[in-house]
Amino acid sequence: MNEDVESKQAVKIYKALGEPTRLKVAMILSREGEACCSTLGTKLETVADSTLSHHLKQLAESGLLDSRKEGTFIFYCLNREVAQKYAPFLLN
């Protein structure tokens, strides 16, 4: 990856983590490994599903989350390689 691409990815990740709900989501996924939107919504309590979907999309677009589809559910997990490089505090 060239320096310009890495800089752009770093900016996306830090912007995504700069929002408190997205930071909480990343921390939950770091601890628990994998979760679907409804499970995350239950843990966050005060976030509407549509808002949570937006947050998950932002985190995924930054490269910080990976996802897999199983039936009608999408399961999200922290991309540990990206986290290690740009936000290692999430892995503690």
C-alpha atoms as a PDB file:
ATOM      1  CA  MET A   1       0.000   0.000   0.000  1.00  0.00           C
ATOM      2  CA  ASN A   2       1.441   3.383  -0.865  1.00  0.00           C
ATOM      3  CA  GLU A   3       1.676   6.211   1.644  1.00  0.00           C
ATOM      4  CA  ASP A   4      -1.233   8.201   0.179  1.00  0.00           C
ATOM      5  CA  VAL A   5      -3.607   5.222   0.340  1.00  0.00           C
ATOM      6  CA  GLU A   6      -2.512   4.441   3.899  1.00  0.00           C
ATOM      7  CA  SER A   7      -3.062   8.060   4.939  1.00  0.00           C
ATOM      8  CA  LYS A   8      -6.569   8.044   3.471  1.00  0.00           C
ATOM      9  CA  GLN A   9      -7.418   4.787   5.246  1.00  0.00           C
ATOM     10  CA  ALA A  10      -6.061   6.141   8.532  1.00  0.00           C
ATOM     11  CA  VAL A  11      -8.240   9.260   8.201  1.00  0.00           C
ATOM     12  CA  LYS A  12     -11.340   7.107   7.498  1.00  0.00           C
ATOM     13  CA  ILE A  13     -10.640   4.894  10.506  1.00  0.00           C
ATOM     14  CA  TYR A  14      -9.994   7.771  12.899  1.00  0.00           C
ATOM     15  CA  LYS A  15     -13.106   9.616  11.692  1.00  0.00           C
ATOM     16  CA  ALA A  16     -15.153   6.463  12.173  1.00  0.00           C
ATOM     17  CA  LEU A  17     -13.772   5.880  15.681  1.00  0.00           C
ATOM     18  CA  GLY A  18     -14.232   9.560  16.562  1.00  0.00           C
ATOM     19  CA  GLU A  19     -17.966   8.980  16.954  1.00  0.00           C
ATOM     20  CA  PRO A  20     -18.740   7.505  20.421  1.00  0.00           C
ATOM     21  CA  THR A  21     -21.247   4.876  19.257  1.00  0.00           C
ATOM     22  CA  ARG A  22     -18.901   3.564  16.578  1.00  0.00           C
ATOM     23  CA  LEU A  23     -16.082   3.376  19.110  1.00  0.00           C
ATOM     24  CA  LYS A  24     -18.359   1.357  21.438  1.00  0.00           C
ATOM     25  CA  VAL A  25     -19.275  -0.984  18.578  1.00  0.00           C
ATOM     26  CA  ALA A  26     -15.603  -1.561  17.738  1.00  0.00           C
ATOM     27  CA  MET A  27     -14.806  -2.227  21.396  1.00  0.00           C
ATOM     28  CA  ILE A  28     -17.702  -4.693  21.756  1.00  0.00           C
ATOM     29  CA  LEU A  29     -16.597  -6.564  18.641  1.00  0.00           C
ATOM     30  CA  SER A  30     -13.016  -6.572  19.872  1.00  0.00           C
ATOM     31  CA  ARG A  31     -14.105  -8.291  23.100  1.00  0.00           C
ATOM     32  CA  GLU A  32     -16.776 -10.605  21.710  1.00  0.00           C
ATOM     33  CA  GLY A  33     -15.359 -11.501  18.318  1.00  0.00           C
ATOM     34  CA  GLU A  34     -18.499 -11.407  16.191  1.00  0.00           C
ATOM     35  CA  ALA A  35     -22.063 -10.109  16.412  1.00  0.00           C
ATOM     36  CA  CYS A  36     -25.048  -9.274  14.245  1.00  0.00           C
ATOM     37  CA  CYS A  37     -26.800  -5.905  14.200  1.00  0.00           C
ATOM     38  CA  SER A  38     -29.602  -6.999  16.557  1.00  0.00           C
ATOM     39  CA  THR A  39     -27.119  -8.305  19.146  1.00  0.00           C
ATOM     40  CA  LEU A  40     -25.148  -5.071  18.994  1.00  0.00           C
ATOM     41  CA  GLY A  41     -28.386  -3.076  19.263  1.00  0.00           C
ATOM     42  CA  THR A  42     -29.289  -4.933  22.446  1.00  0.00           C
ATOM     43  CA  LYS A  43     -25.900  -4.161  23.960  1.00  0.00           C
ATOM     44  CA  LEU A  44     -26.045  -0.472  22.995  1.00  0.00           C
ATOM     45  CA  GLU A  45     -29.719  -0.100  24.070  1.00  0.00           C
ATOM     46  CA  THR A  46     -30.184   3.551  23.059  1.00  0.00           C
ATOM     47  CA  VAL A  47     -29.338   3.272  19.348  1.00  0.00           C
ATOM     48  CA  ALA A  48     -32.051   2.737  16.708  1.00  0.00           C
ATOM     49  CA  ASP A  49     -31.446  -0.140  14.277  1.00  0.00           C
ATOM     50  CA  SER A  50     -31.282   2.202  11.269  1.00  0.00           C
ATOM     51  CA  THR A  51     -28.718   4.382  13.027  1.00  0.00           C
ATOM     52  CA  LEU A  52     -26.707   1.331  14.049  1.00  0.00           C
ATOM     53  CA  SER A  53     -26.707   0.100  10.444  1.00  0.00           C
ATOM     54  CA  HIS A  54     -25.260   3.449   9.384  1.00  0.00           C
ATOM     55  CA  HIS A  55     -22.530   3.188  12.030  1.00  0.00           C
ATOM     56  CA  LEU A  56     -21.677  -0.365  10.962  1.00  0.00           C
ATOM     57  CA  LYS A  57     -21.480   0.739   7.332  1.00  0.00           C
ATOM     58  CA  GLN A  58     -19.060   3.556   8.248  1.00  0.00           C
ATOM     59  CA  LEU A  59     -16.835   1.171  10.207  1.00  0.00           C
ATOM     60  CA  ALA A  60     -16.894  -1.416   7.413  1.00  0.00           C
ATOM     61  CA  GLU A  61     -16.092   1.188   4.743  1.00  0.00           C
ATOM     62  CA  SER A  62     -13.098   2.326   6.773  1.00  0.00           C
ATOM     63  CA  GLY A  63     -11.767  -1.242   6.667  1.00  0.00           C
ATOM     64  CA  LEU A  64     -12.039  -1.740  10.411  1.00  0.00           C
ATOM     65  CA  LEU A  65     -14.886  -4.280  10.235  1.00  0.00           C
ATOM     66  CA  ASP A  66     -15.351  -7.413   8.183  1.00  0.00           C
ATOM     67  CA  SER A  67     -18.764  -8.954   7.613  1.00  0.00           C
ATOM     68  CA  ARG A  68     -20.306 -12.212   6.508  1.00  0.00           C
ATOM     69  CA  LYS A  69     -23.882 -13.001   5.607  1.00  0.00           C
ATOM     70  CA  GLU A  70     -25.702 -15.974   7.081  1.00  0.00           C
ATOM     71  CA  GLY A  71     -29.308 -16.261   5.949  1.00  0.00           C
ATOM     72  CA  THR A  72     -30.910 -12.880   6.604  1.00  0.00           C
ATOM     73  CA  PHE A  73     -28.296 -11.889   9.178  1.00  0.00           C
ATOM     74  CA  ILE A  74     -25.028 -10.044   8.643  1.00  0.00           C
ATOM     75  CA  PHE A  75     -22.372 -10.792  11.231  1.00  0.00           C
ATOM     76  CA  TYR A  76     -19.632  -8.240  11.872  1.00  0.00           C
ATOM     77  CA  CYS A  77     -16.187  -8.713  13.353  1.00  0.00           C
ATOM     78  CA  LEU A  78     -13.203  -6.486  13.912  1.00  0.00           C
ATOM     79  CA  ASN A  79     -10.517  -6.718  11.244  1.00  0.00           C
ATOM     80  CA  ARG A  80      -7.692  -7.391  13.684  1.00  0.00           C
ATOM     81  CA  GLU A  81      -4.933  -6.720  11.161  1.00  0.00           C
ATOM     82  CA  VAL A  82      -6.287  -3.233  10.416  1.00  0.00           C
ATOM     83  CA  ALA A  83      -6.960  -2.601  14.113  1.00  0.00           C
ATOM     84  CA  GLN A  84      -3.409  -3.617  15.020  1.00  0.00           C
ATOM     85  CA  LYS A  85      -2.006  -1.167  12.502  1.00  0.00           C
ATOM     86  CA  TYR A  86      -4.252   1.868  13.106  1.00  0.00           C
ATOM     87  CA  ALA A  87      -5.977   1.381  16.470  1.00  0.00           C
ATOM     88  CA  PRO A  88      -4.081  -1.164  18.589  1.00  0.00           C
ATOM     89  CA  PHE A  89      -5.802   0.065  21.764  1.00  0.00           C
ATOM     90  CA  LEU A  90      -8.910  -1.828  20.572  1.00  0.00           C
ATOM     91  CA  LEU A  91      -7.064  -5.116  21.005  1.00  0.00           C
ATOM     92  CA  ASN A  92      -6.212  -4.660  24.707  1.00  0.00           C
END
